[in-house]
Amino acid sequence: MDKFDSNRRKLLALGGAALGVALLPGQAFASLSTSRPRLLTLNNLNTGESLKTEFFNGKSYDKNELARLNHFFRDYRANKSKSIDPHLFDQLYRLQTLLDSRKPVQLISGYRSLGTNNSLRSHSRGVAKHSYHTLGQAMDFHIEGISLSNIRKAALSLRAGGVGYYPSSNFVHIDTGPVRNW
């Protein structure tokens, strides 16, 4: 009987481990578990700026590159910057890996000051009062040459935060808040 319980425990442990691995987005998880640099190439559609950055060198985040990204993601209307959650850049990197794309990410909206957010809310029902954009934890974007529906599917598969789908406005929203979608 003792041998049966021992084998049963091993079988349950192996089953649990297999289930855990099956639930992880394999390729995306592998891209973050290896110690290799993480690169992003972006265009800011509002400012006309472009940026190519290695924000993670394989071991740690590069503070200078994060500062460049913070500026790039700034609220261009109010000319205000905020520290952007580095996990947002990780999420974007994982998305590009899943989509097997090296095309530039077209940034539509990154950080938004409270003033900008409130102004946008007064003109649109689609802007949240407590937006993750105001916390430096969200972005709206599309990727050149990749359909929005494929970007959305890949973002949902990551289960890394919020995913909003706005096909009529030609963008996908991702954030580092709780897992949810709309």
N, C-alpha and C. Protein backbone atom coordinates (compact mmCIF):
# COMPACT_ATOMS: atom_id res chain seq x y z
N MET A 1 0.83 -1.20 0.00
CA MET A 1 0.00 0.00 0.00
C MET A 1 0.87 1.26 0.00
N ASP A 2 1.97 1.23 0.78
CA ASP A 2 2.87 2.38 0.86
C ASP A 2 3.50 2.67 -0.50
N LYS A 3 3.87 1.60 -1.24
CA LYS A 3 4.45 1.77 -2.57
C LYS A 3 3.42 2.37 -3.53
N PHE A 4 2.16 1.96 -3.41
CA PHE A 4 1.09 2.50 -4.25
C PHE A 4 0.93 4.00 -4.00
N ASP A 5 0.94 4.44 -2.74
CA ASP A 5 0.80 5.86 -2.41
C ASP A 5 1.99 6.66 -2.96
N SER A 6 3.17 6.09 -2.86
CA SER A 6 4.36 6.77 -3.35
C SER A 6 4.29 6.95 -4.87
N ASN A 7 3.91 5.90 -5.58
CA ASN A 7 3.78 5.98 -7.03
C ASN A 7 2.68 6.96 -7.43
N ARG A 8 1.60 6.96 -6.65
CA ARG A 8 0.49 7.86 -6.93
C ARG A 8 0.93 9.33 -6.77
N ARG A 9 1.70 9.60 -5.71
CA ARG A 9 2.20 10.96 -5.50
C ARG A 9 3.11 11.40 -6.64
N LYS A 10 3.98 10.50 -7.07
CA LYS A 10 4.88 10.83 -8.19
C LYS A 10 4.08 11.11 -9.46
N LEU A 11 3.07 10.28 -9.72
CA LEU A 11 2.25 10.45 -10.90
C LEU A 11 1.50 11.79 -10.84
N LEU A 12 0.95 12.13 -9.69
CA LEU A 12 0.24 13.41 -9.54
C LEU A 12 1.20 14.59 -9.71
N ALA A 13 2.40 14.47 -9.14
CA ALA A 13 3.39 15.55 -9.28
C ALA A 13 3.79 15.73 -10.74
N LEU A 14 4.04 14.63 -11.44
CA LEU A 14 4.40 14.72 -12.85
C LEU A 14 3.26 15.30 -13.68
N GLY A 15 2.03 14.87 -13.37
CA GLY A 15 0.87 15.40 -14.08
C GLY A 15 0.72 16.90 -13.86
N GLY A 16 0.92 17.33 -12.61
CA GLY A 16 0.83 18.76 -12.30
C GLY A 16 1.91 19.55 -13.02
N ALA A 17 3.11 19.02 -13.05
CA ALA A 17 4.21 19.70 -13.74
C ALA A 17 3.91 19.78 -15.24
N ALA A 18 3.42 18.69 -15.82
CA ALA A 18 3.10 18.68 -17.25
C ALA A 18 2.01 19.69 -17.57
N LEU A 19 1.00 19.76 -16.71
CA LEU A 19 -0.07 20.72 -16.91
C LEU A 19 0.46 22.16 -16.84
N GLY A 20 1.33 22.42 -15.88
CA GLY A 20 1.91 23.76 -15.74
C GLY A 20 2.69 24.16 -16.97
N VAL A 21 3.48 23.25 -17.49
CA VAL A 21 4.27 23.54 -18.69
C VAL A 21 3.35 23.73 -19.89
N ALA A 22 2.30 22.94 -19.98
CA ALA A 22 1.37 23.06 -21.11
C ALA A 22 0.63 24.38 -21.11
N LEU A 23 0.39 24.95 -19.94
CA LEU A 23 -0.33 26.21 -19.85
C LEU A 23 0.53 27.42 -20.18
N LEU A 24 1.85 27.29 -20.12
CA LEU A 24 2.74 28.40 -20.44
C LEU A 24 2.84 28.57 -21.94
N PRO A 25 2.84 29.80 -22.42
CA PRO A 25 3.08 30.01 -23.84
C PRO A 25 4.55 29.68 -24.13
N GLY A 26 4.79 28.49 -24.64
CA GLY A 26 6.13 27.93 -24.75
C GLY A 26 7.18 28.82 -25.35
N GLN A 27 6.98 29.27 -26.56
CA GLN A 27 7.99 30.06 -27.23
C GLN A 27 8.22 31.37 -26.49
N ALA A 28 7.12 32.00 -26.03
CA ALA A 28 7.25 33.28 -25.34
C ALA A 28 7.96 33.10 -24.01
N PHE A 29 7.64 32.03 -23.28
CA PHE A 29 8.30 31.77 -22.01
C PHE A 29 9.78 31.52 -22.23
N ALA A 30 10.09 30.75 -23.26
CA ALA A 30 11.50 30.45 -23.55
C ALA A 30 12.27 31.72 -23.87
N SER A 31 11.62 32.67 -24.53
CA SER A 31 12.33 33.90 -24.88
C SER A 31 12.70 34.71 -23.67
N LEU A 32 11.97 34.55 -22.56
CA LEU A 32 12.31 35.29 -21.35
C LEU A 32 13.17 34.47 -20.40
N SER A 33 13.20 33.17 -20.56
CA SER A 33 13.97 32.36 -19.64
C SER A 33 15.42 32.19 -20.09
N THR A 34 15.70 32.54 -21.32
CA THR A 34 17.08 32.46 -21.79
C THR A 34 17.76 33.81 -21.51
N SER A 35 19.06 33.74 -21.34
CA SER A 35 19.80 34.98 -21.04
C SER A 35 20.33 35.57 -22.33
N ARG A 36 19.44 36.11 -23.12
CA ARG A 36 19.85 36.77 -24.35
C ARG A 36 19.28 38.18 -24.37
N PRO A 37 19.88 39.06 -25.14
CA PRO A 37 19.39 40.44 -25.20
C PRO A 37 17.97 40.53 -25.75
N ARG A 38 17.25 41.54 -25.29
CA ARG A 38 15.90 41.82 -25.78
C ARG A 38 15.95 43.16 -26.51
N LEU A 39 15.57 43.10 -27.78
CA LEU A 39 15.62 44.27 -28.65
C LEU A 39 14.22 44.69 -29.05
N LEU A 40 14.03 45.98 -29.19
CA LEU A 40 12.78 46.52 -29.73
C LEU A 40 13.12 47.59 -30.76
N THR A 41 12.33 47.62 -31.82
CA THR A 41 12.40 48.69 -32.80
C THR A 41 11.01 49.30 -32.87
N LEU A 42 10.94 50.63 -32.65
CA LEU A 42 9.66 51.30 -32.55
C LEU A 42 9.62 52.58 -33.37
N ASN A 43 8.43 52.94 -33.81
CA ASN A 43 8.15 54.24 -34.41
C ASN A 43 7.03 54.87 -33.59
N ASN A 44 7.17 56.14 -33.27
CA ASN A 44 6.12 56.87 -32.58
C ASN A 44 5.33 57.62 -33.66
N LEU A 45 4.10 57.20 -33.89
CA LEU A 45 3.31 57.76 -34.98
C LEU A 45 2.92 59.22 -34.75
N ASN A 46 2.95 59.67 -33.49
CA ASN A 46 2.57 61.06 -33.19
C ASN A 46 3.73 62.04 -33.28
N THR A 47 4.93 61.59 -32.97
CA THR A 47 6.08 62.49 -32.96
C THR A 47 7.00 62.29 -34.16
N GLY A 48 6.84 61.17 -34.86
CA GLY A 48 7.71 60.88 -35.99
C GLY A 48 9.05 60.29 -35.58
N GLU A 49 9.26 60.07 -34.28
CA GLU A 49 10.53 59.52 -33.79
C GLU A 49 10.60 58.02 -34.02
N SER A 50 11.81 57.53 -34.16
CA SER A 50 12.09 56.09 -34.25
C SER A 50 13.12 55.74 -33.19
N LEU A 51 13.05 54.50 -32.73
CA LEU A 51 13.98 54.06 -31.69
C LEU A 51 14.27 52.58 -31.87
N LYS A 52 15.55 52.26 -31.81
CA LYS A 52 15.99 50.86 -31.76
C LYS A 52 16.77 50.72 -30.47
N THR A 53 16.37 49.76 -29.64
CA THR A 53 16.97 49.66 -28.32
C THR A 53 17.16 48.21 -27.88
N GLU A 54 18.25 47.98 -27.18
CA GLU A 54 18.48 46.72 -26.47
C GLU A 54 18.27 47.07 -25.00
N PHE A 55 17.02 46.92 -24.53
CA PHE A 55 16.67 47.37 -23.19
C PHE A 55 17.03 46.36 -22.10
N PHE A 56 17.32 45.13 -22.51
CA PHE A 56 17.73 44.09 -21.58
C PHE A 56 18.93 43.40 -22.20
N ASN A 57 20.05 43.35 -21.47
CA ASN A 57 21.30 42.86 -22.07
C ASN A 57 21.52 41.35 -21.93
N GLY A 58 20.54 40.65 -21.42
CA GLY A 58 20.67 39.21 -21.20
C GLY A 58 20.77 38.87 -19.73
N LYS A 59 21.10 39.87 -18.91
CA LYS A 59 21.22 39.66 -17.46
C LYS A 59 20.42 40.68 -16.66
N SER A 60 20.34 41.90 -17.19
CA SER A 60 19.64 42.96 -16.46
C SER A 60 19.15 44.02 -17.42
N TYR A 61 18.23 44.84 -16.91
CA TYR A 61 17.73 45.96 -17.69
C TYR A 61 18.82 47.03 -17.79
N ASP A 62 18.89 47.67 -18.93
CA ASP A 62 19.83 48.75 -19.15
C ASP A 62 19.13 50.06 -18.78
N LYS A 63 19.56 50.71 -17.71
CA LYS A 63 18.90 51.92 -17.20
C LYS A 63 18.89 53.04 -18.23
N ASN A 64 19.97 53.18 -18.99
CA ASN A 64 20.01 54.22 -20.02
C ASN A 64 18.99 53.97 -21.12
N GLU A 65 18.85 52.71 -21.51
CA GLU A 65 17.87 52.36 -22.56
C GLU A 65 16.45 52.49 -22.04
N LEU A 66 16.23 52.15 -20.77
CA LEU A 66 14.90 52.35 -20.19
C LEU A 66 14.55 53.84 -20.16
N ALA A 67 15.54 54.69 -19.87
CA ALA A 67 15.31 56.14 -19.88
C ALA A 67 14.94 56.61 -21.29
N ARG A 68 15.60 56.07 -22.30
CA ARG A 68 15.26 56.41 -23.69
C ARG A 68 13.84 55.97 -24.03
N LEU A 69 13.47 54.77 -23.56
CA LEU A 69 12.11 54.27 -23.80
C LEU A 69 11.08 55.13 -23.06
N ASN A 70 11.39 55.53 -21.83
CA ASN A 70 10.47 56.39 -21.07
C ASN A 70 10.20 57.68 -21.84
N HIS A 71 11.26 58.27 -22.41
CA HIS A 71 11.10 59.50 -23.20
C HIS A 71 10.28 59.22 -24.46
N PHE A 72 10.57 58.13 -25.12
CA PHE A 72 9.87 57.76 -26.35
C PHE A 72 8.38 57.56 -26.09
N PHE A 73 8.03 56.99 -24.93
CA PHE A 73 6.64 56.69 -24.56
C PHE A 73 5.95 57.89 -23.89
N ARG A 74 6.60 59.03 -23.83
CA ARG A 74 6.09 60.19 -23.11
C ARG A 74 4.73 60.65 -23.64
N ASP A 75 4.05 61.45 -22.82
CA ASP A 75 2.83 62.12 -23.24
C ASP A 75 3.26 63.31 -24.09
N TYR A 76 3.20 63.16 -25.39
CA TYR A 76 3.69 64.20 -26.30
C TYR A 76 2.81 65.46 -26.24
N ARG A 77 1.55 65.30 -25.85
CA ARG A 77 0.66 66.46 -25.79
C ARG A 77 1.07 67.41 -24.66
N ALA A 78 1.43 66.82 -23.51
CA ALA A 78 1.81 67.62 -22.34
C ALA A 78 3.33 67.67 -22.17
N ASN A 79 4.07 66.96 -23.03
CA ASN A 79 5.52 66.83 -22.93
C ASN A 79 5.95 66.41 -21.52
N LYS A 80 5.29 65.34 -21.02
CA LYS A 80 5.61 64.79 -19.70
C LYS A 80 6.00 63.33 -19.86
N SER A 81 6.99 62.93 -19.07
CA SER A 81 7.45 61.54 -19.07
C SER A 81 7.16 60.89 -17.73
N LYS A 82 7.17 59.58 -17.74
CA LYS A 82 7.00 58.79 -16.52
C LYS A 82 7.78 57.50 -16.72
N SER A 83 8.21 56.90 -15.64
CA SER A 83 8.86 55.58 -15.74
C SER A 83 7.82 54.57 -16.22
N ILE A 84 8.13 53.95 -17.32
CA ILE A 84 7.25 52.93 -17.88
C ILE A 84 7.63 51.59 -17.25
N ASP A 85 6.63 50.80 -16.92
CA ASP A 85 6.86 49.48 -16.33
C ASP A 85 7.69 48.64 -17.32
N PRO A 86 8.90 48.22 -16.95
CA PRO A 86 9.73 47.42 -17.88
C PRO A 86 9.05 46.13 -18.33
N HIS A 87 8.10 45.63 -17.54
CA HIS A 87 7.38 44.42 -17.95
C HIS A 87 6.53 44.65 -19.20
N LEU A 88 6.16 45.90 -19.45
CA LEU A 88 5.44 46.22 -20.67
C LEU A 88 6.35 45.98 -21.88
N PHE A 89 7.62 46.37 -21.75
CA PHE A 89 8.58 46.13 -22.83
C PHE A 89 8.84 44.63 -22.99
N ASP A 90 8.91 43.91 -21.86
CA ASP A 90 9.06 42.45 -21.93
C ASP A 90 7.88 41.83 -22.68
N GLN A 91 6.69 42.30 -22.34
CA GLN A 91 5.48 41.78 -22.97
C GLN A 91 5.50 42.04 -24.48
N LEU A 92 5.92 43.22 -24.86
CA LEU A 92 6.01 43.56 -26.28
C LEU A 92 7.06 42.71 -26.98
N TYR A 93 8.19 42.50 -26.32
CA TYR A 93 9.24 41.65 -26.88
C TYR A 93 8.72 40.21 -27.06
N ARG A 94 8.01 39.70 -26.07
CA ARG A 94 7.44 38.35 -26.16
C ARG A 94 6.44 38.26 -27.30
N LEU A 95 5.65 39.31 -27.49
CA LEU A 95 4.69 39.34 -28.60
C LEU A 95 5.41 39.24 -29.93
N GLN A 96 6.44 40.04 -30.10
CA GLN A 96 7.17 40.01 -31.36
C GLN A 96 7.81 38.64 -31.59
N THR A 97 8.26 38.01 -30.52
CA THR A 97 8.84 36.67 -30.64
C THR A 97 7.78 35.67 -31.08
N LEU A 98 6.60 35.73 -30.44
CA LEU A 98 5.51 34.83 -30.82
C LEU A 98 5.09 35.03 -32.28
N LEU A 99 5.07 36.27 -32.70
CA LEU A 99 4.63 36.61 -34.05
C LEU A 99 5.76 36.48 -35.07
N ASP A 100 6.95 36.16 -34.58
CA ASP A 100 8.14 36.02 -35.43
C ASP A 100 8.32 37.26 -36.31
N SER A 101 8.24 38.43 -35.66
CA SER A 101 8.32 39.69 -36.40
C SER A 101 9.48 40.54 -35.90
N ARG A 102 10.17 41.11 -36.84
CA ARG A 102 11.21 42.09 -36.52
C ARG A 102 10.84 43.46 -37.09
N LYS A 103 9.59 43.56 -37.51
CA LYS A 103 9.09 44.82 -38.05
C LYS A 103 8.91 45.82 -36.91
N PRO A 104 9.03 47.11 -37.21
CA PRO A 104 8.87 48.11 -36.15
C PRO A 104 7.47 48.12 -35.55
N VAL A 105 7.42 48.31 -34.25
CA VAL A 105 6.16 48.50 -33.54
C VAL A 105 5.75 49.96 -33.76
N GLN A 106 4.51 50.17 -34.14
CA GLN A 106 3.99 51.51 -34.39
C GLN A 106 3.24 51.97 -33.14
N LEU A 107 3.89 52.79 -32.30
CA LEU A 107 3.30 53.27 -31.06
C LEU A 107 2.30 54.38 -31.34
N ILE A 108 1.10 54.20 -30.83
CA ILE A 108 0.06 55.22 -30.97
C ILE A 108 -0.08 55.99 -29.66
N SER A 109 -0.06 55.26 -28.54
CA SER A 109 -0.18 55.92 -27.24
C SER A 109 0.56 55.11 -26.19
N GLY A 110 1.38 55.80 -25.42
CA GLY A 110 2.08 55.19 -24.29
C GLY A 110 1.59 55.84 -23.01
N TYR A 111 2.48 56.54 -22.33
CA TYR A 111 2.09 57.26 -21.11
C TYR A 111 1.16 58.42 -21.45
N ARG A 112 0.15 58.61 -20.60
CA ARG A 112 -0.73 59.78 -20.70
C ARG A 112 -0.84 60.42 -19.31
N SER A 113 -0.60 61.72 -19.24
CA SER A 113 -0.78 62.43 -17.98
C SER A 113 -2.28 62.44 -17.64
N LEU A 114 -2.59 62.71 -16.38
CA LEU A 114 -4.00 62.76 -15.98
C LEU A 114 -4.75 63.82 -16.79
N GLY A 115 -4.11 64.97 -17.01
CA GLY A 115 -4.75 66.02 -17.79
C GLY A 115 -5.08 65.58 -19.20
N THR A 116 -4.14 64.93 -19.86
CA THR A 116 -4.36 64.42 -21.21
C THR A 116 -5.44 63.36 -21.20
N ASN A 117 -5.37 62.45 -20.24
CA ASN A 117 -6.36 61.38 -20.16
C ASN A 117 -7.77 61.95 -19.97
N ASN A 118 -7.90 62.94 -19.07
CA ASN A 118 -9.21 63.55 -18.83
C ASN A 118 -9.72 64.28 -20.07
N SER A 119 -8.83 64.94 -20.77
CA SER A 119 -9.21 65.62 -22.00
C SER A 119 -9.70 64.62 -23.05
N LEU A 120 -8.98 63.52 -23.21
CA LEU A 120 -9.39 62.49 -24.16
C LEU A 120 -10.72 61.86 -23.75
N ARG A 121 -10.92 61.67 -22.44
CA ARG A 121 -12.18 61.11 -21.93
C ARG A 121 -13.36 61.99 -22.27
N SER A 122 -13.15 63.30 -22.26
CA SER A 122 -14.25 64.22 -22.54
C SER A 122 -14.70 64.15 -24.00
N HIS A 123 -13.86 63.57 -24.86
CA HIS A 123 -14.18 63.47 -26.29
C HIS A 123 -14.48 62.04 -26.75
N SER A 124 -14.22 61.05 -25.87
CA SER A 124 -14.39 59.65 -26.28
C SER A 124 -14.83 58.78 -25.12
N ARG A 125 -15.78 57.91 -25.39
CA ARG A 125 -16.24 56.97 -24.36
C ARG A 125 -15.25 55.83 -24.16
N GLY A 126 -14.32 55.66 -25.08
CA GLY A 126 -13.38 54.54 -25.02
C GLY A 126 -12.17 54.76 -24.13
N VAL A 127 -12.09 55.90 -23.45
CA VAL A 127 -10.93 56.21 -22.60
C VAL A 127 -11.32 56.00 -21.14
N ALA A 128 -10.62 55.12 -20.45
CA ALA A 128 -10.93 54.78 -19.06
C ALA A 128 -10.53 55.91 -18.11
N LYS A 129 -11.35 56.12 -17.10
CA LYS A 129 -11.05 57.15 -16.09
C LYS A 129 -9.76 56.83 -15.35
N HIS A 130 -9.59 55.57 -14.98
CA HIS A 130 -8.39 55.12 -14.26
C HIS A 130 -7.53 54.27 -15.20
N SER A 131 -7.10 54.88 -16.28
CA SER A 131 -6.36 54.19 -17.33
C SER A 131 -4.97 53.76 -16.87
N TYR A 132 -4.56 52.58 -17.31
CA TYR A 132 -3.20 52.11 -17.05
C TYR A 132 -2.17 52.96 -17.80
N HIS A 133 -2.63 53.70 -18.81
CA HIS A 133 -1.72 54.62 -19.50
C HIS A 133 -1.19 55.67 -18.52
N THR A 134 -2.02 56.13 -17.58
CA THR A 134 -1.60 57.17 -16.64
C THR A 134 -0.61 56.65 -15.60
N LEU A 135 -0.47 55.34 -15.51
CA LEU A 135 0.47 54.71 -14.57
C LEU A 135 1.76 54.28 -15.25
N GLY A 136 1.83 54.46 -16.56
CA GLY A 136 3.01 54.00 -17.30
C GLY A 136 3.01 52.50 -17.47
N GLN A 137 1.81 51.91 -17.58
CA GLN A 137 1.69 50.46 -17.67
C GLN A 137 0.91 50.00 -18.89
N ALA A 138 0.74 50.87 -19.90
CA ALA A 138 -0.08 50.50 -21.06
C ALA A 138 0.44 51.15 -22.33
N MET A 139 0.06 50.53 -23.43
CA MET A 139 0.38 51.09 -24.74
C MET A 139 -0.68 50.66 -25.75
N ASP A 140 -0.89 51.51 -26.75
CA ASP A 140 -1.73 51.21 -27.91
C ASP A 140 -0.80 51.19 -29.11
N PHE A 141 -0.94 50.19 -29.98
CA PHE A 141 0.03 50.01 -31.07
C PHE A 141 -0.50 49.08 -32.13
N HIS A 142 0.22 49.01 -33.22
CA HIS A 142 0.09 47.94 -34.19
C HIS A 142 1.50 47.65 -34.71
N ILE A 143 1.63 46.55 -35.42
CA ILE A 143 2.94 46.16 -35.95
C ILE A 143 2.80 46.07 -37.47
N GLU A 144 3.67 46.78 -38.12
CA GLU A 144 3.70 46.82 -39.58
C GLU A 144 3.66 45.40 -40.16
N GLY A 145 2.70 45.16 -41.07
CA GLY A 145 2.64 43.89 -41.78
C GLY A 145 2.00 42.74 -41.02
N ILE A 146 1.51 42.96 -39.80
CA ILE A 146 0.87 41.90 -39.02
C ILE A 146 -0.58 42.31 -38.77
N SER A 147 -1.50 41.42 -39.03
CA SER A 147 -2.91 41.76 -38.83
C SER A 147 -3.20 41.99 -37.35
N LEU A 148 -4.08 42.93 -37.09
CA LEU A 148 -4.47 43.22 -35.71
C LEU A 148 -5.03 42.00 -35.01
N SER A 149 -5.80 41.19 -35.74
CA SER A 149 -6.38 40.00 -35.11
C SER A 149 -5.30 39.02 -34.66
N ASN A 150 -4.21 38.91 -35.43
CA ASN A 150 -3.10 38.04 -35.02
C ASN A 150 -2.35 38.61 -33.82
N ILE A 151 -2.19 39.94 -33.79
CA ILE A 151 -1.55 40.57 -32.62
C ILE A 151 -2.40 40.31 -31.38
N ARG A 152 -3.71 40.49 -31.53
CA ARG A 152 -4.63 40.26 -30.40
C ARG A 152 -4.54 38.82 -29.90
N LYS A 153 -4.60 37.85 -30.82
CA LYS A 153 -4.52 36.43 -30.44
C LYS A 153 -3.23 36.14 -29.69
N ALA A 154 -2.12 36.65 -30.20
CA ALA A 154 -0.83 36.42 -29.55
C ALA A 154 -0.81 37.07 -28.16
N ALA A 155 -1.33 38.30 -28.05
CA ALA A 155 -1.35 38.99 -26.76
C ALA A 155 -2.21 38.23 -25.75
N LEU A 156 -3.35 37.72 -26.19
CA LEU A 156 -4.21 36.94 -25.29
C LEU A 156 -3.51 35.67 -24.83
N SER A 157 -2.75 35.05 -25.71
CA SER A 157 -2.07 33.79 -25.35
C SER A 157 -1.01 34.00 -24.27
N LEU A 158 -0.46 35.21 -24.18
CA LEU A 158 0.56 35.50 -23.16
C LEU A 158 -0.03 35.52 -21.75
N ARG A 159 -1.31 35.90 -21.64
CA ARG A 159 -1.96 36.03 -20.33
C ARG A 159 -1.09 36.86 -19.38
N ALA A 160 -0.65 38.02 -19.89
CA ALA A 160 0.30 38.85 -19.15
C ALA A 160 -0.30 40.17 -18.67
N GLY A 161 -1.57 40.41 -18.95
CA GLY A 161 -2.20 41.67 -18.56
C GLY A 161 -3.42 41.91 -19.41
N GLY A 162 -3.85 43.16 -19.49
CA GLY A 162 -5.03 43.49 -20.26
C GLY A 162 -4.75 43.55 -21.75
N VAL A 163 -5.76 43.15 -22.53
CA VAL A 163 -5.67 43.20 -23.99
C VAL A 163 -6.97 43.79 -24.52
N GLY A 164 -6.85 44.92 -25.20
CA GLY A 164 -8.01 45.56 -25.84
C GLY A 164 -7.84 45.51 -27.35
N TYR A 165 -8.96 45.31 -28.03
CA TYR A 165 -8.93 45.15 -29.49
C TYR A 165 -9.77 46.26 -30.11
N TYR A 166 -9.14 47.11 -30.92
CA TYR A 166 -9.79 48.26 -31.53
C TYR A 166 -9.56 48.26 -33.04
N PRO A 167 -10.20 47.33 -33.76
CA PRO A 167 -9.94 47.24 -35.20
C PRO A 167 -10.35 48.48 -35.98
N SER A 168 -11.41 49.17 -35.56
CA SER A 168 -11.83 50.35 -36.31
C SER A 168 -10.87 51.52 -36.13
N SER A 169 -10.07 51.49 -35.04
CA SER A 169 -9.05 52.52 -34.81
C SER A 169 -7.65 52.04 -35.15
N ASN A 170 -7.55 50.78 -35.61
CA ASN A 170 -6.30 50.17 -36.05
C ASN A 170 -5.24 50.07 -34.96
N PHE A 171 -5.65 49.58 -33.76
CA PHE A 171 -4.65 49.31 -32.74
C PHE A 171 -5.12 48.25 -31.76
N VAL A 172 -4.12 47.70 -31.08
CA VAL A 172 -4.33 46.77 -29.97
C VAL A 172 -3.75 47.46 -28.74
N HIS A 173 -4.43 47.30 -27.62
CA HIS A 173 -3.98 47.83 -26.34
C HIS A 173 -3.43 46.67 -25.52
N ILE A 174 -2.27 46.85 -24.90
CA ILE A 174 -1.79 45.89 -23.91
C ILE A 174 -1.40 46.67 -22.66
N ASP A 175 -1.52 46.02 -21.51
CA ASP A 175 -1.08 46.63 -20.27
C ASP A 175 -0.59 45.56 -19.32
N THR A 176 0.02 46.00 -18.23
CA THR A 176 0.58 45.06 -17.25
C THR A 176 -0.31 44.94 -16.02
N GLY A 177 -1.57 45.29 -16.17
CA GLY A 177 -2.54 45.12 -15.09
C GLY A 177 -3.02 43.67 -15.04
N PRO A 178 -4.15 43.45 -14.36
CA PRO A 178 -4.71 42.09 -14.27
C PRO A 178 -5.06 41.53 -15.66
N VAL A 179 -5.05 40.22 -15.78
CA VAL A 179 -5.40 39.57 -17.04
C VAL A 179 -6.90 39.76 -17.29
N ARG A 180 -7.21 40.40 -18.42
CA ARG A 180 -8.58 40.62 -18.84
C ARG A 180 -8.55 41.02 -20.31
N ASN A 181 -9.70 41.03 -20.97
CA ASN A 181 -9.73 41.47 -22.37
C ASN A 181 -11.09 42.08 -22.70
N TRP A 182 -11.06 42.89 -23.74
CA TRP A 182 -12.27 43.53 -24.24
C TRP A 182 -12.12 43.79 -25.73
